Amino acid sequence: ITQNGIFPRGIQSDDGFPFESYCHP
């Protein structure tokens, strides 16, 4: 949840929670 709206965690521009590091089932 951001000032600009709600964004899915791990989107391509998400450097804070990158897909490659935080999605590994």
PDB file of all heavy atoms in Angstrom:
ATOM      1  N   ILE A   1       0.861  -1.180   0.000  1.00  0.00           N
ATOM      2  CA  ILE A   1       0.000   0.000   0.000  1.00  0.00           C
ATOM      3  C   ILE A   1       0.896   1.227   0.000  1.00  0.00           C
ATOM      4  O   ILE A   1       1.716   1.412   0.905  1.00  0.00           O
ATOM      5  CB  ILE A   1      -0.932   0.015   1.222  1.00  0.00           C
ATOM      6  CG1 ILE A   1      -1.779  -1.259   1.261  1.00  0.00           C
ATOM      7  CG2 ILE A   1      -1.833   1.241   1.189  1.00  0.00           C
ATOM      8  CD1 ILE A   1      -2.705  -1.349   2.462  1.00  0.00           C
ATOM      9  N   THR A   2       0.778   2.052  -1.022  1.00  0.00           N
ATOM     10  CA  THR A   2       1.625   3.218  -1.188  1.00  0.00           C
ATOM     11  C   THR A   2       0.774   4.467  -1.331  1.00  0.00           C
ATOM     12  O   THR A   2      -0.453   4.402  -1.397  1.00  0.00           O
ATOM     13  CB  THR A   2       2.514   3.078  -2.441  1.00  0.00           C
ATOM     14  OG1 THR A   2       1.745   3.404  -3.604  1.00  0.00           O
ATOM     15  CG2 THR A   2       3.058   1.658  -2.582  1.00  0.00           C
ATOM     16  N   GLN A   3       1.422   5.608  -1.388  1.00  0.00           N
ATOM     17  CA  GLN A   3       0.703   6.860  -1.616  1.00  0.00           C
ATOM     18  C   GLN A   3       0.103   6.911  -3.012  1.00  0.00           C
ATOM     19  O   GLN A   3      -0.819   7.687  -3.266  1.00  0.00           O
ATOM     20  CB  GLN A   3       1.652   8.047  -1.419  1.00  0.00           C
ATOM     21  CG  GLN A   3       2.044   8.279   0.027  1.00  0.00           C
ATOM     22  CD  GLN A   3       3.029   9.412   0.179  1.00  0.00           C
ATOM     23  OE1 GLN A   3       4.168   9.312  -0.275  1.00  0.00           O
ATOM     24  NE2 GLN A   3       2.611  10.495   0.803  1.00  0.00           N
ATOM     25  N   ASN A   4       0.606   6.082  -3.909  1.00  0.00           N
ATOM     26  CA  ASN A   4       0.140   6.069  -5.296  1.00  0.00           C
ATOM     27  C   ASN A   4      -0.861   4.957  -5.583  1.00  0.00           C
ATOM     28  O   ASN A   4      -1.249   4.751  -6.726  1.00  0.00           O
ATOM     29  CB  ASN A   4       1.341   5.915  -6.234  1.00  0.00           C
ATOM     30  CG  ASN A   4       2.351   7.019  -6.049  1.00  0.00           C
ATOM     31  OD1 ASN A   4       1.997   8.188  -6.014  1.00  0.00           O
ATOM     32  ND2 ASN A   4       3.616   6.659  -5.909  1.00  0.00           N
ATOM     33  N   GLY A   5      -1.267   4.242  -4.553  1.00  0.00           N
ATOM     34  CA  GLY A   5      -2.207   3.144  -4.749  1.00  0.00           C
ATOM     35  C   GLY A   5      -1.652   1.844  -4.199  1.00  0.00           C
ATOM     36  O   GLY A   5      -0.608   1.822  -3.544  1.00  0.00           O
ATOM     37  N   ILE A   6      -2.347   0.760  -4.491  1.00  0.00           N
ATOM     38  CA  ILE A   6      -1.908  -0.568  -4.052  1.00  0.00           C
ATOM     39  C   ILE A   6      -1.197  -1.263  -5.209  1.00  0.00           C
ATOM     40  O   ILE A   6      -1.704  -1.289  -6.334  1.00  0.00           O
ATOM     41  CB  ILE A   6      -3.109  -1.409  -3.577  1.00  0.00           C
ATOM     42  CG1 ILE A   6      -3.755  -0.756  -2.352  1.00  0.00           C
ATOM     43  CG2 ILE A   6      -2.677  -2.828  -3.239  1.00  0.00           C
ATOM     44  CD1 ILE A   6      -4.959  -1.501  -1.819  1.00  0.00           C
ATOM     45  N   PHE A   7      -0.026  -1.825  -4.928  1.00  0.00           N
ATOM     46  CA  PHE A   7       0.755  -2.516  -5.947  1.00  0.00           C
ATOM     47  C   PHE A   7       1.012  -3.959  -5.521  1.00  0.00           C
ATOM     48  O   PHE A   7       1.273  -4.227  -4.349  1.00  0.00           O
ATOM     49  CB  PHE A   7       2.097  -1.818  -6.172  1.00  0.00           C
ATOM     50  CG  PHE A   7       1.989  -0.469  -6.818  1.00  0.00           C
ATOM     51  CD1 PHE A   7       1.800   0.669  -6.053  1.00  0.00           C
ATOM     52  CD2 PHE A   7       2.054  -0.336  -8.193  1.00  0.00           C
ATOM     53  CE1 PHE A   7       1.680   1.923  -6.636  1.00  0.00           C
ATOM     54  CE2 PHE A   7       1.936   0.904  -8.795  1.00  0.00           C
ATOM     55  CZ  PHE A   7       1.754   2.045  -8.014  1.00  0.00           C
ATOM     56  N   PRO A   8       0.954  -4.896  -6.462  1.00  0.00           N
ATOM     57  CA  PRO A   8       1.276  -6.289  -6.137  1.00  0.00           C
ATOM     58  C   PRO A   8       2.741  -6.401  -5.708  1.00  0.00           C
ATOM     59  O   PRO A   8       3.627  -5.839  -6.361  1.00  0.00           O
ATOM     60  CB  PRO A   8       1.029  -7.035  -7.452  1.00  0.00           C
ATOM     61  CG  PRO A   8       0.169  -6.117  -8.266  1.00  0.00           C
ATOM     62  CD  PRO A   8       0.552  -4.737  -7.870  1.00  0.00           C
ATOM     63  N   ARG A   9       3.007  -7.096  -4.635  1.00  0.00           N
ATOM     64  CA  ARG A   9       4.380  -7.278  -4.168  1.00  0.00           C
ATOM     65  C   ARG A   9       5.156  -8.098  -5.180  1.00  0.00           C
ATOM     66  O   ARG A   9       4.690  -9.122  -5.660  1.00  0.00           O
ATOM     67  CB  ARG A   9       4.343  -7.969  -2.799  1.00  0.00           C
ATOM     68  CG  ARG A   9       5.684  -8.162  -2.105  1.00  0.00           C
ATOM     69  CD  ARG A   9       6.354  -6.872  -1.718  1.00  0.00           C
ATOM     70  NE  ARG A   9       5.567  -5.976  -0.907  1.00  0.00           N
ATOM     71  CZ  ARG A   9       5.427  -6.044   0.419  1.00  0.00           C
ATOM     72  NH1 ARG A   9       5.975  -7.027   1.094  1.00  0.00           N
ATOM     73  NH2 ARG A   9       4.729  -5.134   1.070  1.00  0.00           N
ATOM     74  N   GLY A  10       6.363  -7.626  -5.512  1.00  0.00           N
ATOM     75  CA  GLY A  10       7.231  -8.354  -6.431  1.00  0.00           C
ATOM     76  C   GLY A  10       7.052  -8.002  -7.894  1.00  0.00           C
ATOM     77  O   GLY A  10       7.515  -8.762  -8.762  1.00  0.00           O
ATOM     78  N   ILE A  11       6.410  -6.851  -8.196  1.00  0.00           N
ATOM     79  CA  ILE A  11       6.309  -6.447  -9.595  1.00  0.00           C
ATOM     80  C   ILE A  11       7.705  -6.174 -10.145  1.00  0.00           C
ATOM     81  O   ILE A  11       8.685  -6.089  -9.402  1.00  0.00           O
ATOM     82  CB  ILE A  11       5.404  -5.205  -9.757  1.00  0.00           C
ATOM     83  CG1 ILE A  11       5.925  -4.045  -8.895  1.00  0.00           C
ATOM     84  CG2 ILE A  11       3.966  -5.541  -9.409  1.00  0.00           C
ATOM     85  CD1 ILE A  11       5.133  -2.760  -9.060  1.00  0.00           C
ATOM     86  N   GLN A  12       7.813  -5.987 -11.457  1.00  0.00           N
ATOM     87  CA  GLN A  12       9.120  -5.893 -12.086  1.00  0.00           C
ATOM     88  C   GLN A  12       9.962  -4.746 -11.518  1.00  0.00           C
ATOM     89  O   GLN A  12      11.182  -4.857 -11.396  1.00  0.00           O
ATOM     90  CB  GLN A  12       8.972  -5.730 -13.601  1.00  0.00           C
ATOM     91  CG  GLN A  12      10.289  -5.801 -14.355  1.00  0.00           C
ATOM     92  CD  GLN A  12      10.091  -5.890 -15.854  1.00  0.00           C
ATOM     93  OE1 GLN A  12       8.982  -5.714 -16.353  1.00  0.00           O
ATOM     94  NE2 GLN A  12      11.159  -6.163 -16.574  1.00  0.00           N
ATOM     95  N   SER A  13       9.330  -3.648 -11.134  1.00  0.00           N
ATOM     96  CA  SER A  13      10.065  -2.493 -10.631  1.00  0.00           C
ATOM     97  C   SER A  13      10.246  -2.520  -9.114  1.00  0.00           C
ATOM     98  O   SER A  13      10.744  -1.562  -8.529  1.00  0.00           O
ATOM     99  CB  SER A  13       9.337  -1.207 -11.028  1.00  0.00           C
ATOM    100  OG  SER A  13       8.022  -1.188 -10.491  1.00  0.00           O
ATOM    101  N   ASP A  14       9.854  -3.618  -8.471  1.00  0.00           N
ATOM    102  CA  ASP A  14       9.926  -3.707  -7.014  1.00  0.00           C
ATOM    103  C   ASP A  14      11.324  -4.141  -6.580  1.00  0.00           C
ATOM    104  O   ASP A  14      11.626  -5.317  -6.449  1.00  0.00           O
ATOM    105  CB  ASP A  14       8.879  -4.695  -6.499  1.00  0.00           C
ATOM    106  CG  ASP A  14       8.692  -4.624  -4.993  1.00  0.00           C
ATOM    107  OD1 ASP A  14       9.556  -4.017  -4.330  1.00  0.00           O
ATOM    108  OD2 ASP A  14       7.692  -5.158  -4.490  1.00  0.00           O
ATOM    109  N   ASP A  15      12.177  -3.155  -6.334  1.00  0.00           N
ATOM    110  CA  ASP A  15      13.529  -3.469  -5.880  1.00  0.00           C
ATOM    111  C   ASP A  15      13.551  -3.813  -4.398  1.00  0.00           C
ATOM    112  O   ASP A  15      14.475  -4.474  -3.926  1.00  0.00           O
ATOM    113  CB  ASP A  15      14.458  -2.275  -6.126  1.00  0.00           C
ATOM    114  CG  ASP A  15      14.639  -1.982  -7.604  1.00  0.00           C
ATOM    115  OD1 ASP A  15      14.698  -2.943  -8.384  1.00  0.00           O
ATOM    116  OD2 ASP A  15      14.686  -0.795  -7.980  1.00  0.00           O
ATOM    117  N   GLY A  16      12.571  -3.347  -3.650  1.00  0.00           N
ATOM    118  CA  GLY A  16      12.521  -3.632  -2.227  1.00  0.00           C
ATOM    119  C   GLY A  16      12.226  -5.090  -1.946  1.00  0.00           C
ATOM    120  O   GLY A  16      12.798  -5.696  -1.038  1.00  0.00           O
ATOM    121  N   PHE A  17      11.309  -5.674  -2.734  1.00  0.00           N
ATOM    122  CA  PHE A  17      10.940  -7.090  -2.577  1.00  0.00           C
ATOM    123  C   PHE A  17      10.946  -7.741  -3.963  1.00  0.00           C
ATOM    124  O   PHE A  17       9.902  -8.035  -4.532  1.00  0.00           O
ATOM    125  CB  PHE A  17       9.561  -7.208  -1.925  1.00  0.00           C
ATOM    126  CG  PHE A  17       9.502  -6.658  -0.528  1.00  0.00           C
ATOM    127  CD1 PHE A  17       9.144  -5.340  -0.300  1.00  0.00           C
ATOM    128  CD2 PHE A  17       9.827  -7.458   0.557  1.00  0.00           C
ATOM    129  CE1 PHE A  17       9.086  -4.826   0.992  1.00  0.00           C
ATOM    130  CE2 PHE A  17       9.775  -6.955   1.847  1.00  0.00           C
ATOM    131  CZ  PHE A  17       9.410  -5.632   2.065  1.00  0.00           C
ATOM    132  N   PRO A  18      12.129  -7.950  -4.540  1.00  0.00           N
ATOM    133  CA  PRO A  18      12.215  -8.486  -5.902  1.00  0.00           C
ATOM    134  C   PRO A  18      11.713  -9.921  -5.994  1.00  0.00           C
ATOM    135  O   PRO A  18      11.907 -10.721  -5.072  1.00  0.00           O
ATOM    136  CB  PRO A  18      13.704  -8.401  -6.227  1.00  0.00           C
ATOM    137  CG  PRO A  18      14.389  -8.405  -4.896  1.00  0.00           C
ATOM    138  CD  PRO A  18      13.465  -7.695  -3.959  1.00  0.00           C
ATOM    139  N   PHE A  19      11.093 -10.227  -7.109  1.00  0.00           N
ATOM    140  CA  PHE A  19      10.554 -11.561  -7.359  1.00  0.00           C
ATOM    141  C   PHE A  19      11.622 -12.633  -7.215  1.00  0.00           C
ATOM    142  O   PHE A  19      11.402 -13.679  -6.589  1.00  0.00           O
ATOM    143  CB  PHE A  19       9.953 -11.600  -8.775  1.00  0.00           C
ATOM    144  CG  PHE A  19       9.669 -12.977  -9.289  1.00  0.00           C
ATOM    145  CD1 PHE A  19       8.532 -13.664  -8.896  1.00  0.00           C
ATOM    146  CD2 PHE A  19      10.542 -13.604 -10.179  1.00  0.00           C
ATOM    147  CE1 PHE A  19       8.266 -14.943  -9.362  1.00  0.00           C
ATOM    148  CE2 PHE A  19      10.279 -14.883 -10.658  1.00  0.00           C
ATOM    149  CZ  PHE A  19       9.141 -15.549 -10.243  1.00  0.00           C
ATOM    150  N   GLU A  20      12.793 -12.385  -7.786  1.00  0.00           N
ATOM    151  CA  GLU A  20      13.847 -13.402  -7.778  1.00  0.00           C
ATOM    152  C   GLU A  20      14.303 -13.752  -6.363  1.00  0.00           C
ATOM    153  O   GLU A  20      14.761 -14.874  -6.122  1.00  0.00           O
ATOM    154  CB  GLU A  20      15.051 -12.923  -8.604  1.00  0.00           C
ATOM    155  CG  GLU A  20      14.817 -12.894 -10.113  1.00  0.00           C
ATOM    156  CD  GLU A  20      14.093 -11.636 -10.575  1.00  0.00           C
ATOM    157  OE1 GLU A  20      13.752 -10.793  -9.718  1.00  0.00           O
ATOM    158  OE2 GLU A  20      13.859 -11.494 -11.786  1.00  0.00           O
ATOM    159  N   SER A  21      14.169 -12.818  -5.427  1.00  0.00           N
ATOM    160  CA  SER A  21      14.642 -13.054  -4.064  1.00  0.00           C
ATOM    161  C   SER A  21      13.532 -13.452  -3.103  1.00  0.00           C
ATOM    162  O   SER A  21      13.791 -14.127  -2.103  1.00  0.00           O
ATOM    163  CB  SER A  21      15.330 -11.795  -3.519  1.00  0.00           C
ATOM    164  OG  SER A  21      16.443 -11.442  -4.310  1.00  0.00           O
ATOM    165  N   TYR A  22      12.303 -13.050  -3.395  1.00  0.00           N
ATOM    166  CA  TYR A  22      11.220 -13.231  -2.431  1.00  0.00           C
ATOM    167  C   TYR A  22      10.068 -14.093  -2.940  1.00  0.00           C
ATOM    168  O   TYR A  22       9.001 -14.117  -2.355  1.00  0.00           O
ATOM    169  CB  TYR A  22      10.685 -11.870  -1.991  1.00  0.00           C
ATOM    170  CG  TYR A  22      11.603 -11.129  -1.059  1.00  0.00           C
ATOM    171  CD1 TYR A  22      12.623 -10.335  -1.561  1.00  0.00           C
ATOM    172  CD2 TYR A  22      11.465 -11.232   0.325  1.00  0.00           C
ATOM    173  CE1 TYR A  22      13.477  -9.649  -0.713  1.00  0.00           C
ATOM    174  CE2 TYR A  22      12.318 -10.554   1.180  1.00  0.00           C
ATOM    175  CZ  TYR A  22      13.312  -9.765   0.658  1.00  0.00           C
ATOM    176  OH  TYR A  22      14.161  -9.097   1.493  1.00  0.00           O
ATOM    177  N   CYS A  23      10.276 -14.772  -4.058  1.00  0.00           N
ATOM    178  CA  CYS A  23       9.279 -15.751  -4.521  1.00  0.00           C
ATOM    179  C   CYS A  23      10.027 -17.001  -4.924  1.00  0.00           C
ATOM    180  O   CYS A  23      10.588 -17.071  -6.008  1.00  0.00           O
ATOM    181  CB  CYS A  23       8.460 -15.216  -5.699  1.00  0.00           C
ATOM    182  SG  CYS A  23       7.246 -16.411  -6.316  1.00  0.00           S
ATOM    183  N   HIS A  24      10.045 -17.996  -4.047  1.00  0.00           N
ATOM    184  CA  HIS A  24      10.806 -19.213  -4.331  1.00  0.00           C
ATOM    185  C   HIS A  24      10.148 -20.410  -3.678  1.00  0.00           C
ATOM    186  O   HIS A  24      10.694 -21.005  -2.751  1.00  0.00           O
ATOM    187  CB  HIS A  24      12.251 -19.080  -3.855  1.00  0.00           C
ATOM    188  CG  HIS A  24      12.417 -18.116  -2.720  1.00  0.00           C
ATOM    189  ND1 HIS A  24      11.756 -18.248  -1.520  1.00  0.00           N
ATOM    190  CD2 HIS A  24      13.136 -16.980  -2.634  1.00  0.00           C
ATOM    191  CE1 HIS A  24      12.086 -17.258  -0.729  1.00  0.00           C
ATOM    192  NE2 HIS A  24      12.918 -16.465  -1.363  1.00  0.00           N
ATOM    193  N   PRO A  25       8.949 -20.795  -4.148  1.00  0.00           N
ATOM    194  CA  PRO A  25       8.238 -21.913  -3.524  1.00  0.00           C
ATOM    195  C   PRO A  25       8.777 -23.282  -3.888  1.00  0.00           C
ATOM    196  O   PRO A  25       8.268 -24.289  -3.422  1.00  0.00           O
ATOM    197  CB  PRO A  25       6.814 -21.736  -4.057  1.00  0.00           C
ATOM    198  CG  PRO A  25       6.999 -21.068  -5.381  1.00  0.00           C
ATOM    199  CD  PRO A  25       8.193 -20.163  -5.220  1.00  0.00           C
TER     200      PRO A  25
END
